[in-house]
Amino acid sequence: MPVEESALRRARAPERRTWPDDPLLAVRAGEGDTEAFERLVRRHTPVLLALANRMLTDAGDAEDAVQDAFVSAWRRLPEFRADASFQTWMYRIVTNRCLNQLRSRRPTTTLDAVPEPQAPDHYASPSRAAESSAAVSDLHSALGRLSPEQRACWLLREMHGLSYEDIASVVGINQEAVRGRIYRARRSLTEAMVAWR
């Protein structure tokens, strides 16, 4: 009897599926396995959405860019080569979508016109909250003045921690150009933020 009871318990227990790593999921998805692709989407959406939000500064545009990137990836998965990681490949697709949107945008509102949310009282005094808000506003303005290419390289390096090699792969340029763009972005941001040192 105890053997039958344990078999019954195992049959009723929810299946615990361990998901394979990205390379295997990408191969399966490339062969048409929608469940494997859904797993890749769930796994990588948060970090890709964070990148798109930082590049585009608009949540709706960021969501559209990431969704378009995954639609494009689904169509191009049979072409995906495992010489690059799936995440790096997706960074490239999302970055290109964001750069295209930034290039086609017409300036409508400056970042200075968008109010920053106030820090909660338990985190800072009113003067410290005002100072922090002004510093963040200045940083957003300085990021907005960078070229889209400089902004992409800087965000991928400083906010997402990608290597120069991975950034070069994502943006589609050589590592020296990546280093140059990041250097110019850092210099511009340092000059813009000199008052906050």
N, C-alpha and C. Protein backbone atom coordinates (compact mmCIF):
# COMPACT_ATOMS: atom_id res chain seq x y z
N MET A 1 0.79 -1.21 0.00
CA MET A 1 0.00 0.00 0.00
C MET A 1 0.83 1.28 0.00
N PRO A 2 1.89 1.36 0.81
CA PRO A 2 2.65 2.61 0.80
C PRO A 2 3.25 2.92 -0.57
N VAL A 3 3.62 1.91 -1.33
CA VAL A 3 4.19 2.15 -2.66
C VAL A 3 3.14 2.77 -3.57
N GLU A 4 1.91 2.25 -3.51
CA GLU A 4 0.84 2.78 -4.34
C GLU A 4 0.51 4.21 -3.96
N GLU A 5 0.52 4.52 -2.66
CA GLU A 5 0.22 5.88 -2.21
C GLU A 5 1.29 6.87 -2.71
N SER A 6 2.55 6.48 -2.65
CA SER A 6 3.60 7.41 -3.11
C SER A 6 3.52 7.61 -4.62
N ALA A 7 3.17 6.59 -5.37
CA ALA A 7 3.01 6.73 -6.82
C ALA A 7 1.85 7.66 -7.13
N LEU A 8 0.77 7.54 -6.35
CA LEU A 8 -0.39 8.40 -6.54
C LEU A 8 -0.03 9.85 -6.23
N ARG A 9 0.74 10.06 -5.15
CA ARG A 9 1.16 11.41 -4.79
C ARG A 9 2.03 12.02 -5.90
N ARG A 10 2.94 11.25 -6.45
CA ARG A 10 3.80 11.75 -7.53
C ARG A 10 2.97 12.11 -8.76
N ALA A 11 1.97 11.33 -9.05
CA ALA A 11 1.12 11.59 -10.22
C ALA A 11 0.33 12.88 -10.03
N ARG A 12 -0.08 13.18 -8.79
CA ARG A 12 -0.86 14.39 -8.51
C ARG A 12 0.03 15.63 -8.38
N ALA A 13 1.28 15.47 -8.07
CA ALA A 13 2.18 16.60 -7.87
C ALA A 13 2.37 17.33 -9.20
N PRO A 14 2.43 18.68 -9.13
CA PRO A 14 2.65 19.43 -10.37
C PRO A 14 4.03 19.12 -10.94
N GLU A 15 4.08 19.09 -12.25
CA GLU A 15 5.34 18.79 -12.93
C GLU A 15 6.29 19.97 -12.76
N ARG A 16 7.49 19.68 -12.32
CA ARG A 16 8.49 20.73 -12.18
C ARG A 16 9.46 20.58 -13.33
N ARG A 17 9.36 21.50 -14.23
CA ARG A 17 10.19 21.42 -15.43
C ARG A 17 11.38 22.36 -15.27
N THR A 18 12.53 21.85 -15.49
CA THR A 18 13.71 22.71 -15.51
C THR A 18 13.97 23.09 -16.95
N TRP A 19 14.17 24.37 -17.16
CA TRP A 19 14.36 24.88 -18.51
C TRP A 19 15.84 24.87 -18.87
N PRO A 20 16.14 24.48 -20.09
CA PRO A 20 17.53 24.46 -20.54
C PRO A 20 18.07 25.89 -20.72
N ASP A 21 19.36 25.98 -20.97
CA ASP A 21 20.00 27.26 -21.21
C ASP A 21 19.56 27.84 -22.54
N ASP A 22 19.91 29.12 -22.74
CA ASP A 22 19.51 29.84 -23.95
C ASP A 22 19.88 29.17 -25.26
N PRO A 23 21.10 28.66 -25.41
CA PRO A 23 21.44 28.07 -26.73
C PRO A 23 20.49 26.95 -27.16
N LEU A 24 20.16 26.08 -26.23
CA LEU A 24 19.25 24.99 -26.57
C LEU A 24 17.83 25.51 -26.82
N LEU A 25 17.39 26.45 -26.00
CA LEU A 25 16.07 27.04 -26.22
C LEU A 25 16.00 27.74 -27.58
N ALA A 26 17.08 28.43 -27.95
CA ALA A 26 17.10 29.12 -29.24
C ALA A 26 17.04 28.13 -30.40
N VAL A 27 17.73 27.02 -30.28
CA VAL A 27 17.68 25.99 -31.32
C VAL A 27 16.27 25.43 -31.43
N ARG A 28 15.69 25.11 -30.27
CA ARG A 28 14.31 24.57 -30.29
C ARG A 28 13.34 25.59 -30.87
N ALA A 29 13.47 26.84 -30.46
CA ALA A 29 12.58 27.88 -30.97
C ALA A 29 12.76 28.05 -32.47
N GLY A 30 14.00 27.96 -32.95
CA GLY A 30 14.27 28.05 -34.37
C GLY A 30 13.63 26.93 -35.17
N GLU A 31 13.40 25.80 -34.49
CA GLU A 31 12.73 24.66 -35.13
C GLU A 31 11.22 24.75 -35.00
N GLY A 32 10.72 25.85 -34.40
CA GLY A 32 9.28 26.06 -34.31
C GLY A 32 8.67 25.80 -32.95
N ASP A 33 9.46 25.52 -31.93
CA ASP A 33 8.96 25.25 -30.59
C ASP A 33 8.56 26.56 -29.93
N THR A 34 7.26 26.86 -29.94
CA THR A 34 6.77 28.12 -29.38
C THR A 34 6.96 28.21 -27.87
N GLU A 35 6.88 27.08 -27.19
CA GLU A 35 7.07 27.08 -25.74
C GLU A 35 8.51 27.48 -25.39
N ALA A 36 9.48 27.04 -26.15
CA ALA A 36 10.87 27.43 -25.92
C ALA A 36 11.05 28.92 -26.17
N PHE A 37 10.41 29.43 -27.22
CA PHE A 37 10.52 30.86 -27.50
C PHE A 37 9.84 31.69 -26.41
N GLU A 38 8.70 31.25 -25.93
CA GLU A 38 8.02 31.95 -24.84
C GLU A 38 8.92 32.02 -23.61
N ARG A 39 9.65 30.96 -23.34
CA ARG A 39 10.57 30.94 -22.21
C ARG A 39 11.69 31.97 -22.41
N LEU A 40 12.22 32.07 -23.61
CA LEU A 40 13.24 33.07 -23.92
C LEU A 40 12.68 34.48 -23.73
N VAL A 41 11.46 34.68 -24.18
CA VAL A 41 10.82 36.00 -24.04
C VAL A 41 10.69 36.35 -22.56
N ARG A 42 10.16 35.43 -21.77
CA ARG A 42 10.01 35.69 -20.32
C ARG A 42 11.34 35.94 -19.65
N ARG A 43 12.35 35.20 -20.05
CA ARG A 43 13.67 35.30 -19.42
C ARG A 43 14.35 36.64 -19.73
N HIS A 44 14.18 37.16 -20.95
CA HIS A 44 14.96 38.32 -21.37
C HIS A 44 14.19 39.63 -21.44
N THR A 45 12.88 39.61 -21.33
CA THR A 45 12.10 40.84 -21.44
C THR A 45 12.48 41.89 -20.40
N PRO A 46 12.64 41.54 -19.11
CA PRO A 46 12.92 42.61 -18.14
C PRO A 46 14.17 43.44 -18.46
N VAL A 47 15.26 42.80 -18.79
CA VAL A 47 16.50 43.54 -19.04
C VAL A 47 16.41 44.31 -20.36
N LEU A 48 15.75 43.75 -21.36
CA LEU A 48 15.61 44.44 -22.64
C LEU A 48 14.66 45.63 -22.50
N LEU A 49 13.63 45.48 -21.71
CA LEU A 49 12.70 46.58 -21.47
C LEU A 49 13.39 47.71 -20.70
N ALA A 50 14.25 47.36 -19.76
CA ALA A 50 15.01 48.39 -19.03
C ALA A 50 15.89 49.18 -19.98
N LEU A 51 16.57 48.48 -20.89
CA LEU A 51 17.41 49.16 -21.88
C LEU A 51 16.57 50.09 -22.75
N ALA A 52 15.47 49.59 -23.28
CA ALA A 52 14.63 50.39 -24.17
C ALA A 52 14.04 51.59 -23.43
N ASN A 53 13.65 51.42 -22.18
CA ASN A 53 13.13 52.54 -21.38
C ASN A 53 14.18 53.62 -21.22
N ARG A 54 15.41 53.21 -20.96
CA ARG A 54 16.48 54.19 -20.76
C ARG A 54 16.84 54.90 -22.07
N MET A 55 16.77 54.19 -23.16
CA MET A 55 17.12 54.80 -24.44
C MET A 55 16.01 55.72 -24.95
N LEU A 56 14.78 55.29 -24.81
CA LEU A 56 13.66 56.02 -25.41
C LEU A 56 12.95 56.96 -24.45
N THR A 57 13.12 56.75 -23.16
CA THR A 57 12.49 57.55 -22.10
C THR A 57 10.96 57.62 -22.23
N ASP A 58 10.37 56.64 -22.83
CA ASP A 58 8.92 56.56 -22.94
C ASP A 58 8.53 55.09 -22.82
N ALA A 59 7.74 54.76 -21.81
CA ALA A 59 7.40 53.36 -21.53
C ALA A 59 6.67 52.71 -22.70
N GLY A 60 5.74 53.42 -23.31
CA GLY A 60 4.99 52.86 -24.43
C GLY A 60 5.88 52.55 -25.62
N ASP A 61 6.76 53.51 -25.96
CA ASP A 61 7.69 53.29 -27.06
C ASP A 61 8.64 52.14 -26.75
N ALA A 62 9.08 52.05 -25.49
CA ALA A 62 9.99 50.98 -25.08
C ALA A 62 9.33 49.62 -25.23
N GLU A 63 8.08 49.51 -24.77
CA GLU A 63 7.36 48.24 -24.91
C GLU A 63 7.19 47.86 -26.37
N ASP A 64 6.86 48.85 -27.21
CA ASP A 64 6.72 48.58 -28.64
C ASP A 64 8.03 48.10 -29.25
N ALA A 65 9.13 48.75 -28.86
CA ALA A 65 10.44 48.37 -29.42
C ALA A 65 10.79 46.94 -29.03
N VAL A 66 10.56 46.57 -27.78
CA VAL A 66 10.90 45.21 -27.33
C VAL A 66 9.98 44.20 -28.00
N GLN A 67 8.70 44.52 -28.09
CA GLN A 67 7.77 43.59 -28.75
C GLN A 67 8.15 43.40 -30.22
N ASP A 68 8.45 44.50 -30.91
CA ASP A 68 8.87 44.40 -32.32
C ASP A 68 10.16 43.58 -32.45
N ALA A 69 11.07 43.76 -31.48
CA ALA A 69 12.33 43.02 -31.51
C ALA A 69 12.08 41.52 -31.38
N PHE A 70 11.18 41.12 -30.49
CA PHE A 70 10.89 39.70 -30.33
C PHE A 70 10.17 39.13 -31.56
N VAL A 71 9.31 39.91 -32.18
CA VAL A 71 8.65 39.45 -33.41
C VAL A 71 9.70 39.23 -34.49
N SER A 72 10.62 40.18 -34.61
CA SER A 72 11.70 40.05 -35.59
C SER A 72 12.58 38.84 -35.26
N ALA A 73 12.88 38.65 -33.98
CA ALA A 73 13.72 37.52 -33.57
C ALA A 73 13.04 36.20 -33.91
N TRP A 74 11.74 36.11 -33.68
CA TRP A 74 11.01 34.88 -33.98
C TRP A 74 11.14 34.53 -35.46
N ARG A 75 11.01 35.55 -36.30
CA ARG A 75 11.10 35.32 -37.75
C ARG A 75 12.52 34.94 -38.17
N ARG A 76 13.52 35.48 -37.48
CA ARG A 76 14.90 35.28 -37.89
C ARG A 76 15.62 34.19 -37.09
N LEU A 77 14.93 33.50 -36.19
CA LEU A 77 15.58 32.48 -35.37
C LEU A 77 16.27 31.37 -36.18
N PRO A 78 15.71 30.93 -37.30
CA PRO A 78 16.44 29.91 -38.06
C PRO A 78 17.81 30.39 -38.54
N GLU A 79 18.00 31.72 -38.66
CA GLU A 79 19.28 32.28 -39.09
C GLU A 79 20.24 32.46 -37.91
N PHE A 80 19.73 32.38 -36.68
CA PHE A 80 20.56 32.65 -35.49
C PHE A 80 21.69 31.65 -35.40
N ARG A 81 22.90 32.19 -35.26
CA ARG A 81 24.08 31.35 -35.09
C ARG A 81 24.49 31.43 -33.63
N ALA A 82 24.90 30.33 -33.09
CA ALA A 82 25.23 30.26 -31.68
C ALA A 82 26.60 30.84 -31.36
N ASP A 83 27.26 31.53 -32.32
CA ASP A 83 28.56 32.12 -32.02
C ASP A 83 28.42 33.34 -31.10
N ALA A 84 27.25 33.91 -31.02
CA ALA A 84 26.95 34.99 -30.06
C ALA A 84 25.86 34.47 -29.12
N SER A 85 25.79 35.06 -27.95
CA SER A 85 24.75 34.63 -27.03
C SER A 85 23.40 35.17 -27.50
N PHE A 86 22.34 34.49 -27.10
CA PHE A 86 21.00 34.93 -27.48
C PHE A 86 20.74 36.33 -26.91
N GLN A 87 21.18 36.57 -25.68
CA GLN A 87 20.95 37.87 -25.05
C GLN A 87 21.65 38.98 -25.82
N THR A 88 22.89 38.75 -26.24
CA THR A 88 23.61 39.75 -27.02
C THR A 88 22.90 40.01 -28.34
N TRP A 89 22.42 38.94 -28.97
CA TRP A 89 21.67 39.08 -30.21
C TRP A 89 20.42 39.93 -30.00
N MET A 90 19.72 39.69 -28.89
CA MET A 90 18.50 40.46 -28.60
C MET A 90 18.85 41.91 -28.25
N TYR A 91 19.95 42.13 -27.52
CA TYR A 91 20.40 43.50 -27.26
C TYR A 91 20.58 44.24 -28.58
N ARG A 92 21.16 43.58 -29.56
CA ARG A 92 21.40 44.22 -30.84
C ARG A 92 20.08 44.59 -31.52
N ILE A 93 19.15 43.67 -31.53
CA ILE A 93 17.87 43.93 -32.20
C ILE A 93 17.14 45.08 -31.50
N VAL A 94 17.09 45.05 -30.15
CA VAL A 94 16.39 46.10 -29.40
C VAL A 94 17.10 47.44 -29.58
N THR A 95 18.42 47.43 -29.50
CA THR A 95 19.16 48.68 -29.68
C THR A 95 18.90 49.28 -31.05
N ASN A 96 18.89 48.46 -32.08
CA ASN A 96 18.61 48.97 -33.43
C ASN A 96 17.20 49.54 -33.52
N ARG A 97 16.24 48.87 -32.91
CA ARG A 97 14.86 49.39 -32.91
C ARG A 97 14.82 50.76 -32.22
N CYS A 98 15.50 50.87 -31.09
CA CYS A 98 15.51 52.13 -30.34
C CYS A 98 16.21 53.23 -31.12
N LEU A 99 17.34 52.91 -31.72
CA LEU A 99 18.06 53.91 -32.52
C LEU A 99 17.21 54.39 -33.69
N ASN A 100 16.52 53.48 -34.34
CA ASN A 100 15.64 53.87 -35.44
C ASN A 100 14.54 54.80 -34.96
N GLN A 101 13.95 54.49 -33.80
CA GLN A 101 12.91 55.36 -33.26
C GLN A 101 13.47 56.72 -32.90
N LEU A 102 14.64 56.75 -32.28
CA LEU A 102 15.24 58.02 -31.89
C LEU A 102 15.58 58.88 -33.11
N ARG A 103 16.06 58.26 -34.16
CA ARG A 103 16.41 59.00 -35.37
C ARG A 103 15.17 59.57 -36.07
N SER A 104 14.06 58.87 -35.96
CA SER A 104 12.85 59.31 -36.66
C SER A 104 11.99 60.25 -35.82
N ARG A 105 12.32 60.42 -34.57
CA ARG A 105 11.52 61.29 -33.70
C ARG A 105 11.73 62.75 -34.04
N ARG A 106 10.66 63.46 -33.87
CA ARG A 106 10.75 64.91 -33.92
C ARG A 106 10.71 65.38 -32.48
N PRO A 107 11.57 66.31 -32.12
CA PRO A 107 11.54 66.78 -30.73
C PRO A 107 10.19 67.41 -30.41
N THR A 108 9.57 66.93 -29.38
CA THR A 108 8.27 67.47 -28.98
C THR A 108 8.32 68.16 -27.63
N THR A 109 8.97 67.55 -26.69
CA THR A 109 9.06 68.10 -25.34
C THR A 109 10.47 67.88 -24.82
N THR A 110 11.02 68.89 -24.18
CA THR A 110 12.33 68.71 -23.59
C THR A 110 12.18 67.93 -22.30
N LEU A 111 13.24 67.27 -21.90
CA LEU A 111 13.20 66.53 -20.65
C LEU A 111 13.03 67.45 -19.45
N ASP A 112 13.44 68.72 -19.59
CA ASP A 112 13.27 69.67 -18.49
C ASP A 112 11.80 69.93 -18.20
N ALA A 113 10.95 69.77 -19.22
CA ALA A 113 9.53 70.03 -19.04
C ALA A 113 8.80 68.88 -18.34
N VAL A 114 9.43 67.73 -18.26
CA VAL A 114 8.81 66.58 -17.63
C VAL A 114 9.16 66.58 -16.14
N PRO A 115 8.16 66.66 -15.27
CA PRO A 115 8.47 66.71 -13.83
C PRO A 115 8.99 65.37 -13.32
N GLU A 116 9.98 65.45 -12.47
CA GLU A 116 10.53 64.26 -11.81
C GLU A 116 9.71 63.96 -10.57
N PRO A 117 9.47 62.70 -10.28
CA PRO A 117 8.75 62.37 -9.05
C PRO A 117 9.59 62.74 -7.83
N GLN A 118 8.92 63.20 -6.81
CA GLN A 118 9.60 63.59 -5.58
C GLN A 118 9.98 62.35 -4.78
N ALA A 119 11.12 62.43 -4.11
CA ALA A 119 11.56 61.33 -3.25
C ALA A 119 10.64 61.26 -2.03
N PRO A 120 10.32 60.06 -1.55
CA PRO A 120 9.51 59.94 -0.35
C PRO A 120 10.20 60.61 0.84
N ASP A 121 9.40 61.15 1.76
CA ASP A 121 9.94 61.89 2.90
C ASP A 121 10.89 61.07 3.75
N HIS A 122 10.65 59.76 3.87
CA HIS A 122 11.50 58.97 4.75
C HIS A 122 12.86 58.69 4.13
N TYR A 123 13.07 59.03 2.86
CA TYR A 123 14.38 58.82 2.24
C TYR A 123 15.25 60.07 2.29
N ALA A 124 14.65 61.25 2.29
CA ALA A 124 15.46 62.45 2.22
C ALA A 124 14.71 63.64 2.79
N SER A 125 15.48 64.61 3.20
CA SER A 125 14.88 65.87 3.64
C SER A 125 14.38 66.60 2.40
N PRO A 126 13.52 67.60 2.57
CA PRO A 126 13.02 68.33 1.40
C PRO A 126 14.15 68.96 0.57
N SER A 127 15.16 69.49 1.24
CA SER A 127 16.26 70.11 0.48
C SER A 127 17.06 69.06 -0.29
N ARG A 128 17.28 67.90 0.35
CA ARG A 128 18.02 66.81 -0.31
C ARG A 128 17.20 66.25 -1.48
N ALA A 129 15.89 66.14 -1.29
CA ALA A 129 15.02 65.65 -2.37
C ALA A 129 15.05 66.60 -3.55
N ALA A 130 15.02 67.90 -3.29
CA ALA A 130 15.06 68.89 -4.36
C ALA A 130 16.40 68.83 -5.09
N GLU A 131 17.47 68.67 -4.32
CA GLU A 131 18.80 68.57 -4.91
C GLU A 131 18.93 67.32 -5.78
N SER A 132 18.44 66.20 -5.27
CA SER A 132 18.50 64.95 -6.03
C SER A 132 17.67 65.04 -7.30
N SER A 133 16.50 65.64 -7.18
CA SER A 133 15.62 65.79 -8.34
C SER A 133 16.29 66.65 -9.40
N ALA A 134 16.95 67.71 -8.98
CA ALA A 134 17.63 68.59 -9.93
C ALA A 134 18.80 67.86 -10.59
N ALA A 135 19.53 67.06 -9.82
CA ALA A 135 20.66 66.31 -10.39
C ALA A 135 20.17 65.28 -11.41
N VAL A 136 19.10 64.58 -11.08
CA VAL A 136 18.53 63.59 -12.01
C VAL A 136 18.03 64.29 -13.27
N SER A 137 17.40 65.43 -13.09
CA SER A 137 16.91 66.19 -14.24
C SER A 137 18.07 66.62 -15.14
N ASP A 138 19.15 67.09 -14.52
CA ASP A 138 20.32 67.48 -15.30
C ASP A 138 20.93 66.29 -16.03
N LEU A 139 20.97 65.14 -15.36
CA LEU A 139 21.50 63.94 -16.01
C LEU A 139 20.63 63.52 -17.19
N HIS A 140 19.30 63.56 -17.02
CA HIS A 140 18.41 63.22 -18.14
C HIS A 140 18.62 64.19 -19.30
N SER A 141 18.78 65.46 -18.98
CA SER A 141 19.02 66.45 -20.04
C SER A 141 20.34 66.16 -20.76
N ALA A 142 21.37 65.86 -19.97
CA ALA A 142 22.68 65.57 -20.57
C ALA A 142 22.62 64.31 -21.43
N LEU A 143 21.91 63.27 -20.97
CA LEU A 143 21.74 62.06 -21.79
C LEU A 143 20.98 62.37 -23.07
N GLY A 144 20.01 63.25 -22.98
CA GLY A 144 19.23 63.63 -24.15
C GLY A 144 20.04 64.38 -25.19
N ARG A 145 21.11 65.04 -24.77
CA ARG A 145 21.96 65.78 -25.71
C ARG A 145 23.00 64.89 -26.39
N LEU A 146 23.21 63.69 -25.87
CA LEU A 146 24.13 62.76 -26.54
C LEU A 146 23.52 62.29 -27.85
N SER A 147 24.37 61.93 -28.80
CA SER A 147 23.84 61.34 -30.03
C SER A 147 23.22 59.99 -29.66
N PRO A 148 22.25 59.52 -30.43
CA PRO A 148 21.65 58.21 -30.12
C PRO A 148 22.68 57.09 -30.03
N GLU A 149 23.69 57.15 -30.89
CA GLU A 149 24.72 56.11 -30.88
C GLU A 149 25.56 56.16 -29.60
N GLN A 150 25.92 57.39 -29.16
CA GLN A 150 26.68 57.53 -27.91
C GLN A 150 25.84 57.07 -26.73
N ARG A 151 24.57 57.46 -26.73
CA ARG A 151 23.68 57.07 -25.63
C ARG A 151 23.55 55.55 -25.56
N ALA A 152 23.39 54.91 -26.70
CA ALA A 152 23.26 53.44 -26.73
C ALA A 152 24.52 52.78 -26.15
N CYS A 153 25.69 53.22 -26.62
CA CYS A 153 26.94 52.61 -26.13
C CYS A 153 27.11 52.85 -24.64
N TRP A 154 26.85 54.08 -24.18
CA TRP A 154 27.02 54.42 -22.76
C TRP A 154 26.07 53.60 -21.89
N LEU A 155 24.81 53.51 -22.30
CA LEU A 155 23.82 52.75 -21.52
C LEU A 155 24.17 51.27 -21.47
N LEU A 156 24.58 50.71 -22.60
CA LEU A 156 24.94 49.29 -22.63
C LEU A 156 26.14 49.01 -21.73
N ARG A 157 27.08 49.95 -21.65
CA ARG A 157 28.26 49.76 -20.82
C ARG A 157 27.98 50.05 -19.34
N GLU A 158 27.45 51.23 -19.06
CA GLU A 158 27.32 51.69 -17.68
C GLU A 158 26.09 51.14 -16.97
N MET A 159 25.01 50.96 -17.66
CA MET A 159 23.77 50.52 -17.01
C MET A 159 23.53 49.01 -17.14
N HIS A 160 24.07 48.41 -18.20
CA HIS A 160 23.83 46.99 -18.42
C HIS A 160 25.10 46.15 -18.31
N GLY A 161 26.25 46.81 -18.14
CA GLY A 161 27.49 46.10 -17.86
C GLY A 161 28.04 45.25 -18.99
N LEU A 162 27.69 45.54 -20.23
CA LEU A 162 28.20 44.75 -21.34
C LEU A 162 29.67 45.09 -21.59
N SER A 163 30.40 44.13 -22.10
CA SER A 163 31.80 44.35 -22.45
C SER A 163 31.86 45.15 -23.75
N TYR A 164 33.04 45.72 -24.03
CA TYR A 164 33.22 46.47 -25.29
C TYR A 164 32.97 45.55 -26.49
N GLU A 165 33.40 44.31 -26.37
CA GLU A 165 33.20 43.36 -27.45
C GLU A 165 31.71 43.11 -27.71
N ASP A 166 30.95 42.92 -26.62
CA ASP A 166 29.51 42.70 -26.78
C ASP A 166 28.81 43.94 -27.31
N ILE A 167 29.23 45.12 -26.85
CA ILE A 167 28.62 46.35 -27.34
C ILE A 167 28.90 46.50 -28.83
N ALA A 168 30.12 46.20 -29.24
CA ALA A 168 30.46 46.28 -30.67
C ALA A 168 29.56 45.35 -31.48
N SER A 169 29.30 44.17 -30.96
CA SER A 169 28.43 43.22 -31.64
C SER A 169 26.99 43.73 -31.68
N VAL A 170 26.54 44.31 -30.57
CA VAL A 170 25.16 44.81 -30.48
C VAL A 170 24.94 45.97 -31.43
N VAL A 171 25.86 46.94 -31.42
CA VAL A 171 25.68 48.16 -32.19
C VAL A 171 26.13 48.00 -33.64
N GLY A 172 26.98 47.00 -33.90
CA GLY A 172 27.41 46.74 -35.27
C GLY A 172 28.59 47.59 -35.71
N ILE A 173 29.46 47.92 -34.75
CA ILE A 173 30.67 48.68 -35.07
C ILE A 173 31.85 47.98 -34.42
N ASN A 174 33.07 48.47 -34.67
CA ASN A 174 34.24 47.83 -34.05
C ASN A 174 34.44 48.34 -32.62
N GLN A 175 35.29 47.65 -31.88
CA GLN A 175 35.51 47.99 -30.47
C GLN A 175 36.12 49.37 -30.30
N GLU A 176 36.98 49.79 -31.22
CA GLU A 176 37.60 51.12 -31.11
C GLU A 176 36.53 52.20 -31.21
N ALA A 177 35.58 52.02 -32.11
CA ALA A 177 34.49 53.00 -32.25
C ALA A 177 33.64 53.01 -30.98
N VAL A 178 33.41 51.84 -30.39
CA VAL A 178 32.66 51.77 -29.13
C VAL A 178 33.38 52.56 -28.05
N ARG A 179 34.68 52.32 -27.92
CA ARG A 179 35.48 53.03 -26.92
C ARG A 179 35.40 54.54 -27.14
N GLY A 180 35.47 54.96 -28.40
CA GLY A 180 35.40 56.39 -28.72
C GLY A 180 34.05 56.98 -28.34
N ARG A 181 32.98 56.28 -28.66
CA ARG A 181 31.64 56.79 -28.33
C ARG A 181 31.43 56.87 -26.83
N ILE A 182 31.89 55.86 -26.12
CA ILE A 182 31.74 55.87 -24.66
C ILE A 182 32.60 56.98 -24.06
N TYR A 183 33.80 57.16 -24.57
CA TYR A 183 34.68 58.23 -24.08
C TYR A 183 34.02 59.59 -24.27
N ARG A 184 33.49 59.85 -25.48
CA ARG A 184 32.85 61.13 -25.75
C ARG A 184 31.59 61.31 -24.90
N ALA A 185 30.84 60.22 -24.70
CA ALA A 185 29.63 60.31 -23.86
C ALA A 185 30.02 60.63 -22.42
N ARG A 186 31.04 59.95 -21.90
CA ARG A 186 31.48 60.22 -20.52
C ARG A 186 31.97 61.66 -20.37
N ARG A 187 32.73 62.11 -21.36
CA ARG A 187 33.24 63.49 -21.30
C ARG A 187 32.08 64.49 -21.30
N SER A 188 31.10 64.28 -22.17
CA SER A 188 29.94 65.19 -22.22
C SER A 188 29.16 65.16 -20.93
N LEU A 189 28.95 63.96 -20.38
CA LEU A 189 28.19 63.85 -19.14
C LEU A 189 28.96 64.45 -17.97
N THR A 190 30.27 64.28 -17.95
CA THR A 190 31.09 64.87 -16.88
C THR A 190 31.01 66.38 -16.94
N GLU A 191 31.11 66.96 -18.13
CA GLU A 191 31.00 68.41 -18.28
C GLU A 191 29.63 68.91 -17.87
N ALA A 192 28.59 68.18 -18.24
CA ALA A 192 27.23 68.59 -17.90
C ALA A 192 26.95 68.49 -16.40
N MET A 193 27.62 67.55 -15.74
CA MET A 193 27.35 67.32 -14.32
C MET A 193 28.40 67.95 -13.41
N VAL A 194 29.25 68.83 -13.92
CA VAL A 194 30.33 69.42 -13.13
C VAL A 194 29.79 70.14 -11.89
N ALA A 195 28.64 70.73 -11.97
CA ALA A 195 28.06 71.45 -10.82
C ALA A 195 27.67 70.49 -9.69
N TRP A 196 27.54 69.21 -9.97
CA TRP A 196 27.08 68.26 -8.96
C TRP A 196 28.21 67.48 -8.32
N ARG A 197 29.44 67.86 -8.58
CA ARG A 197 30.58 67.16 -7.96
C ARG A 197 30.73 67.55 -6.53
